[in-house]
């Protein structure tokens, strides 16, 4: 018997950064996001007569074996996997795990957090643990941000676990996931007018986030104001989406990006600015870099009759267009007999 799990990656339309502590605890954060048909996958095969954990990363062509807790020391190699193994208390059991992702860490699609969610779901199913979606997302956040001390926000774990279009509120003592019911025609039209472009470069989000947090803690006026304004834009974007004002939604993406850039110095870069300006000149109404910034994927809202021109301009600058559709389901697990 084999257990499998998969969890979707996400695109964040607005609000990213307001989910990074201590901002949500002090002022309340919010994010508008949706999951897409790009995934992290994991598989588990029990090993009879064995008491080791074997991890196979198909993306990195790497196989690592862990015999006991002492083997799980953090050294920069599969530390996220090790932390999940510790938290879910699976050492001493004989299992083989396979991992694969449709996007690499540092791409801005939340791949690292999604992998943690995927693994938790895998072990939840195998061990029959009574975890709710909120439990899984909370546990994923604790593993990544607390146990490992990786800098970042709260949104990715919840997006991957719940799936679909969500307006997520990050309050002082609670996180509330508000699923948005978007009609199929609206979803199709939004998807038709969006371009997802891989810039060709990944980034180290931790450094960007560290600077953002430092600026907020020091109460740099421009940063606090930009984050507060970003929350307003997030609400406006949610309303535009629900009211099927999609061109307004596209223009608000640009507002979100302008405020996002004020949070830290390396959120944008000359190559990103060149791509962005090229897209606008060729007809895009707005867009933003996904994730913390610095590279990864550029999301653009482009009227359908301008998409070809925008795509050609970005490809001349080294960009690569990526087809995607929206995904309405979150974490899923199943058995193969």
Protein backbone atom coordinates (compact mmCIF):
# COMPACT_ATOMS: atom_id res chain seq x y z
CA UNK A 1 0.00 0.00 0.00
CA UNK A 2 1.23 3.47 -0.93
CA UNK A 3 0.00 6.84 0.36
CA UNK A 4 0.22 9.94 -1.82
CA UNK A 5 -0.50 13.61 -1.24
CA UNK A 6 -0.45 16.79 -3.28
CA UNK A 7 -0.94 20.43 -2.42
CA UNK A 8 -1.31 23.37 -4.83
CA UNK A 9 0.99 26.33 -5.24
CA UNK A 10 -0.49 29.81 -5.07
CA UNK A 11 -0.45 33.23 -6.62
CA UNK A 12 -0.90 36.16 -4.25
CA UNK A 13 -2.79 39.08 -5.77
CA UNK A 14 -2.37 41.57 -2.91
CA UNK A 15 -1.51 41.89 0.77
CA UNK A 16 1.70 39.88 0.82
CA UNK A 17 3.97 41.33 3.51
CA UNK A 18 1.12 42.27 5.84
CA UNK A 19 1.11 38.59 6.89
CA UNK A 20 4.71 38.78 8.17
CA UNK A 21 5.01 39.18 11.97
CA UNK A 22 4.98 41.46 13.83
CA UNK A 23 2.78 43.52 11.49
CA UNK A 24 -0.36 41.29 11.73
CA UNK A 25 -0.13 41.12 15.53
CA UNK A 26 0.13 44.91 15.80
CA UNK A 27 -2.06 46.18 12.95
CA UNK A 28 -3.80 43.16 11.41
CA UNK A 29 -2.90 41.79 7.99
CA UNK A 30 -4.85 40.46 5.02
CA UNK A 31 -4.09 38.69 1.75
CA UNK A 32 -6.06 37.92 -1.40
CA UNK A 33 -4.75 34.81 -3.14
CA UNK A 34 -5.70 31.83 -5.28
CA UNK A 35 -4.18 28.41 -5.85
CA UNK A 36 -3.20 27.19 -9.30
CA UNK A 37 -2.71 23.86 -11.04
CA UNK A 38 0.96 23.60 -10.09
CA UNK A 39 1.66 21.27 -7.19
CA UNK A 40 4.00 19.73 -4.68
CA UNK A 41 3.68 15.94 -4.55
CA UNK A 42 4.76 13.36 -1.98
CA UNK A 43 4.50 9.57 -1.78
CA UNK A 44 5.05 7.18 1.13
CA UNK A 45 5.86 3.47 0.88
CA UNK A 46 6.14 1.41 4.11
CA UNK A 47 9.33 -0.67 4.34
CA UNK A 48 8.73 -4.00 6.03
CA UNK A 49 11.40 -5.05 8.49
CA UNK A 50 13.16 -1.69 8.34
CA UNK A 51 13.36 1.12 10.89
CA UNK A 52 14.87 3.84 8.73
CA UNK A 53 13.36 6.77 6.85
CA UNK A 54 14.51 7.09 3.25
CA UNK A 55 13.83 10.40 1.49
CA UNK A 56 14.08 10.72 -2.29
CA UNK A 57 14.01 14.22 -3.77
CA UNK A 58 13.18 13.76 -7.44
CA UNK A 59 13.85 17.44 -8.18
CA UNK A 60 17.41 17.31 -6.88
CA UNK A 61 18.07 13.65 -7.77
CA UNK A 62 18.97 13.07 -4.13
CA UNK A 63 18.41 10.15 -1.76
CA UNK A 64 19.07 10.47 1.98
CA UNK A 65 18.57 7.85 4.71
CA UNK A 66 17.91 8.61 8.37
CA UNK A 67 18.37 5.87 10.96
CA UNK A 68 17.60 7.82 14.16
CA UNK A 69 16.89 11.27 15.65
CA UNK A 70 20.60 12.12 15.69
CA UNK A 71 20.59 11.99 11.87
CA UNK A 72 18.07 14.84 11.77
CA UNK A 73 20.48 17.63 12.65
CA UNK A 74 19.88 20.76 10.60
CA UNK A 75 22.72 21.33 8.14
CA UNK A 76 21.07 23.00 5.15
CA UNK A 77 20.21 19.71 3.43
CA UNK A 78 16.47 18.86 3.40
CA UNK A 79 16.01 20.68 6.73
CA UNK A 80 12.30 21.23 6.07
CA UNK A 81 11.82 17.49 5.60
CA UNK A 82 13.79 16.73 8.78
CA UNK A 83 11.69 19.16 10.79
CA UNK A 84 8.45 17.53 9.57
CA UNK A 85 9.83 14.08 10.45
CA UNK A 86 10.56 15.32 13.97
CA UNK A 87 7.23 17.06 14.45
CA UNK A 88 5.17 14.13 13.16
CA UNK A 89 7.24 11.62 15.21
CA UNK A 90 7.86 9.11 12.44
CA UNK A 91 11.45 8.14 13.25
CA UNK A 92 11.79 4.46 14.07
CA UNK A 93 9.28 3.51 11.40
CA UNK A 94 10.38 2.03 8.09
CA UNK A 95 9.25 4.26 5.22
CA UNK A 96 10.42 5.50 1.84
CA UNK A 97 9.33 9.00 0.78
CA UNK A 98 9.38 10.60 -2.66
CA UNK A 99 9.12 14.38 -3.15
CA UNK A 100 8.54 16.42 -6.29
CA UNK A 101 7.53 20.03 -7.01
CA UNK A 102 6.28 21.78 -10.14
CA UNK A 103 8.19 24.92 -9.08
CA UNK A 104 11.46 25.40 -7.18
CA UNK A 105 11.88 27.21 -3.85
CA UNK A 106 12.51 30.92 -4.43
CA UNK A 107 10.05 31.12 -7.31
CA UNK A 108 7.46 33.17 -5.42
CA UNK A 109 4.73 30.54 -5.63
CA UNK A 110 5.07 29.36 -2.02
CA UNK A 111 6.78 26.07 -2.89
CA UNK A 112 8.66 25.59 0.41
CA UNK A 113 5.59 26.04 2.61
CA UNK A 114 3.51 23.93 0.25
CA UNK A 115 6.00 21.07 0.56
CA UNK A 116 5.66 21.18 4.35
CA UNK A 117 1.85 21.13 4.06
CA UNK A 118 2.08 18.24 1.60
CA UNK A 119 4.26 16.17 3.95
CA UNK A 120 2.05 16.86 6.96
CA UNK A 121 -0.94 15.71 4.92
CA UNK A 122 0.94 12.57 3.92
CA UNK A 123 1.70 11.62 7.52
CA UNK A 124 -1.74 12.67 8.74
CA UNK A 125 -3.29 10.15 6.33
CA UNK A 126 -0.79 7.38 7.04
CA UNK A 127 -0.94 7.77 10.83
CA UNK A 128 -4.67 8.59 10.85
CA UNK A 129 -4.18 11.79 12.84
CA UNK A 130 -7.29 13.96 13.52
CA UNK A 131 -5.96 17.24 12.12
CA UNK A 132 -8.23 19.94 10.69
CA UNK A 133 -7.14 22.23 7.84
CA UNK A 134 -6.40 24.96 10.37
CA UNK A 135 -4.34 22.47 12.42
CA UNK A 136 -2.31 21.50 9.36
CA UNK A 137 -1.63 25.10 8.33
CA UNK A 138 -0.73 26.10 11.90
CA UNK A 139 1.63 23.14 12.20
CA UNK A 140 3.27 23.96 8.87
CA UNK A 141 3.84 27.54 10.00
CA UNK A 142 5.32 26.37 13.31
CA UNK A 143 7.70 23.96 11.56
CA UNK A 144 8.94 26.49 9.03
CA UNK A 145 8.94 29.76 10.92
CA UNK A 146 9.43 28.71 14.57
CA UNK A 147 11.32 25.40 14.60
CA UNK A 148 13.60 26.29 11.68
CA UNK A 149 13.49 30.06 12.06
CA UNK A 150 12.98 30.67 8.33
CA UNK A 151 11.81 34.23 7.78
CA UNK A 152 8.46 34.64 6.09
CA UNK A 153 4.76 35.15 6.42
CA UNK A 154 1.64 33.19 7.24
CA UNK A 155 -0.25 33.07 3.96
CA UNK A 156 1.41 30.22 2.06
CA UNK A 157 0.57 27.48 4.54
CA UNK A 158 -3.12 28.39 4.58
CA UNK A 159 -3.41 28.82 0.81
CA UNK A 160 -1.88 25.38 0.15
CA UNK A 161 -4.03 23.67 2.76
CA UNK A 162 -7.40 25.22 1.93
CA UNK A 163 -7.06 25.84 -1.82
CA UNK A 164 -9.19 28.06 -4.06
CA UNK A 165 -9.72 31.82 -3.96
CA UNK A 166 -9.35 33.10 -0.42
CA UNK A 167 -9.42 36.39 1.44
CA UNK A 168 -7.31 35.57 4.50
CA UNK A 169 -7.28 37.78 7.59
CA UNK A 170 -4.36 37.70 10.01
CA UNK A 171 -5.48 39.12 13.34
CA UNK A 172 -3.68 39.49 16.67
CA UNK A 173 -4.96 36.20 18.05
CA UNK A 174 -6.64 34.48 15.10
CA UNK A 175 -6.34 33.65 11.40
CA UNK A 176 -9.55 33.53 9.38
CA UNK A 177 -9.74 31.98 5.91
CA UNK A 178 -12.70 33.42 3.96
CA UNK A 179 -13.32 31.33 0.80
CA UNK A 180 -14.58 33.42 -2.12
CA UNK A 181 -17.23 31.94 -4.39
CA UNK A 182 -16.23 33.20 -7.83
CA UNK A 183 -18.59 32.25 -10.70
CA UNK A 184 -17.03 30.02 -13.40
CA UNK A 185 -17.43 32.70 -16.09
CA UNK A 186 -15.51 35.18 -13.95
CA UNK A 187 -12.77 32.66 -13.25
CA UNK A 188 -12.42 31.86 -16.95
CA UNK A 189 -12.30 35.54 -17.92
CA UNK A 190 -9.75 36.35 -15.22
CA UNK A 191 -7.58 33.43 -16.26
CA UNK A 192 -7.83 34.50 -19.92
CA UNK A 193 -6.57 38.00 -19.08
CA UNK A 194 -3.66 36.98 -16.87
CA UNK A 195 -0.10 36.25 -17.95
CA UNK A 196 2.34 34.38 -15.72
CA UNK A 197 5.95 34.98 -16.71
CA UNK A 198 9.01 33.36 -15.17
CA UNK A 199 11.68 36.07 -15.03
CA UNK A 200 14.50 33.55 -15.26
CA UNK A 201 15.90 34.38 -11.84
CA UNK A 202 15.12 33.12 -8.36
CA UNK A 203 15.68 35.08 -5.16
CA UNK A 204 16.53 34.66 -1.47
CA UNK A 205 13.32 35.87 0.15
CA UNK A 206 14.69 35.73 3.71
CA UNK A 207 16.99 38.74 3.18
CA UNK A 208 14.18 40.81 1.69
CA UNK A 209 11.82 39.89 4.52
CA UNK A 210 14.45 40.65 7.16
CA UNK A 211 14.83 44.17 5.80
CA UNK A 212 11.06 44.62 5.61
CA UNK A 213 10.61 43.51 9.23
CA UNK A 214 13.48 45.73 10.41
CA UNK A 215 11.98 48.75 8.67
CA UNK A 216 8.55 48.07 10.18
CA UNK A 217 9.91 47.49 13.69
CA UNK A 218 11.76 50.82 13.46
CA UNK A 219 8.43 52.32 12.33
CA UNK A 220 9.84 53.82 9.17
CA UNK A 221 6.97 56.08 8.16
CA UNK A 222 6.97 55.21 4.46
CA UNK A 223 6.98 51.46 5.14
CA UNK A 224 4.13 51.48 7.67
CA UNK A 225 2.07 53.73 5.41
CA UNK A 226 2.69 51.49 2.39
CA UNK A 227 1.65 48.37 4.31
CA UNK A 228 -1.49 50.06 5.61
CA UNK A 229 -2.30 51.23 2.09
CA UNK A 230 -1.70 47.74 0.74
CA UNK A 231 -4.45 46.41 3.01
CA UNK A 232 -6.87 48.94 1.52
CA UNK A 233 -5.88 47.86 -1.98
CA UNK A 234 -6.41 44.22 -0.99
CA UNK A 235 -10.00 44.96 0.07
CA UNK A 236 -10.61 46.93 -3.13
CA UNK A 237 -9.27 44.02 -5.20
CA UNK A 238 -11.50 41.54 -3.41
CA UNK A 239 -14.52 43.76 -4.10
CA UNK A 240 -13.55 44.26 -7.74
CA UNK A 241 -13.26 40.49 -8.17
CA UNK A 242 -16.60 39.76 -6.53
CA UNK A 243 -18.29 42.52 -8.54
CA UNK A 244 -16.71 41.28 -11.79
CA UNK A 245 -14.85 44.54 -12.42
CA UNK A 246 -11.84 42.72 -13.82
CA UNK A 247 -10.15 45.65 -15.56
CA UNK A 248 -10.29 47.49 -12.23
CA UNK A 249 -8.82 44.37 -10.63
CA UNK A 250 -5.94 44.51 -13.12
CA UNK A 251 -5.25 48.18 -12.45
CA UNK A 252 -5.26 47.53 -8.71
CA UNK A 253 -2.52 44.94 -9.20
CA UNK A 254 -0.34 47.87 -10.19
CA UNK A 255 -1.32 49.76 -7.02
CA UNK A 256 -0.46 46.71 -4.95
CA UNK A 257 2.97 46.49 -6.61
CA UNK A 258 3.73 50.19 -6.10
CA UNK A 259 3.07 49.86 -2.36
CA UNK A 260 4.87 46.52 -2.11
CA UNK A 261 8.07 48.05 -3.55
CA UNK A 262 8.22 50.55 -0.68
CA UNK A 263 8.62 47.83 1.98
CA UNK A 264 12.23 46.84 1.21
CA UNK A 265 14.99 47.95 -1.15
CA UNK A 266 15.46 44.63 -3.00
CA UNK A 267 11.83 43.78 -3.72
CA UNK A 268 12.43 45.00 -7.24
CA UNK A 269 15.55 45.11 -9.44
CA UNK A 270 16.54 46.74 -12.76
CA UNK A 271 15.69 43.62 -14.79
CA UNK A 272 12.26 43.42 -13.12
CA UNK A 273 11.59 47.12 -13.75
CA UNK A 274 12.53 46.69 -17.41
CA UNK A 275 10.17 43.74 -17.82
CA UNK A 276 7.40 45.56 -16.01
CA UNK A 277 7.70 48.76 -18.05
CA UNK A 278 7.83 46.75 -21.27
CA UNK A 279 4.60 44.97 -20.31
CA UNK A 280 2.85 48.26 -19.53
CA UNK A 281 3.98 49.87 -22.79
CA UNK A 282 2.64 46.89 -24.73
CA UNK A 283 -0.79 46.97 -23.09
CA UNK A 284 -0.74 45.42 -19.60
CA UNK A 285 -3.00 47.20 -17.11
CA UNK A 286 -1.03 46.10 -14.07
CA UNK A 287 0.94 43.35 -12.43
CA UNK A 288 3.33 42.38 -9.65
CA UNK A 289 6.17 40.08 -8.75
CA UNK A 290 4.87 37.10 -6.78
CA UNK A 291 6.26 36.25 -3.36
CA UNK A 292 8.70 38.40 -1.43
CA UNK A 293 10.18 39.92 -4.58
CA UNK A 294 13.60 40.10 -6.19
CA UNK A 295 12.81 37.58 -8.93
CA UNK A 296 10.68 34.53 -9.58
CA UNK A 297 7.35 34.94 -11.37
CA UNK A 298 5.77 38.11 -12.73
CA UNK A 299 1.96 38.12 -12.80
CA UNK A 300 0.33 40.53 -15.27
CA UNK A 301 -3.23 41.49 -16.10
CA UNK A 302 -3.42 42.03 -19.87
CA UNK A 303 -6.52 42.56 -22.03
CA UNK A 304 -6.80 39.47 -24.24
CA UNK A 305 -6.03 41.34 -27.49
CA UNK A 306 -2.72 42.61 -26.04
CA UNK A 307 -1.44 39.34 -24.58
CA UNK A 308 0.58 38.28 -27.61
CA UNK A 309 2.40 41.61 -27.81
CA UNK A 310 3.18 41.60 -24.09
CA UNK A 311 4.38 37.99 -24.17
CA UNK A 312 6.67 38.68 -27.13
CA UNK A 313 8.18 41.70 -25.39
CA UNK A 314 8.90 39.75 -22.21
CA UNK A 315 10.38 36.81 -24.09
CA UNK A 316 12.82 39.18 -25.80
CA UNK A 317 14.02 40.10 -22.28
CA UNK A 318 14.48 36.44 -21.26
CA UNK A 319 11.05 35.83 -19.76
CA UNK A 320 9.21 32.52 -20.17
CA UNK A 321 5.42 32.32 -20.29
CA UNK A 322 3.84 29.66 -18.08
CA UNK A 323 0.36 28.27 -18.73
CA UNK A 324 -1.81 27.81 -15.67
CA UNK A 325 -5.39 27.38 -14.52
CA UNK A 326 -6.92 28.02 -11.13
CA UNK A 327 -7.23 25.13 -8.67
CA UNK A 328 -10.17 25.05 -6.26
CA UNK A 329 -9.09 22.15 -4.05
CA UNK A 330 -6.37 22.33 -1.45
CA UNK A 331 -4.35 19.54 0.16
CA UNK A 332 -5.41 16.06 -0.98
CA UNK A 333 -4.29 12.58 0.10
CA UNK A 334 -5.14 9.13 -1.21
CA UNK A 335 -4.02 5.48 -1.14
CA UNK A 336 -2.70 3.28 -3.94
CA UNK A 337 -3.07 -0.43 -3.36
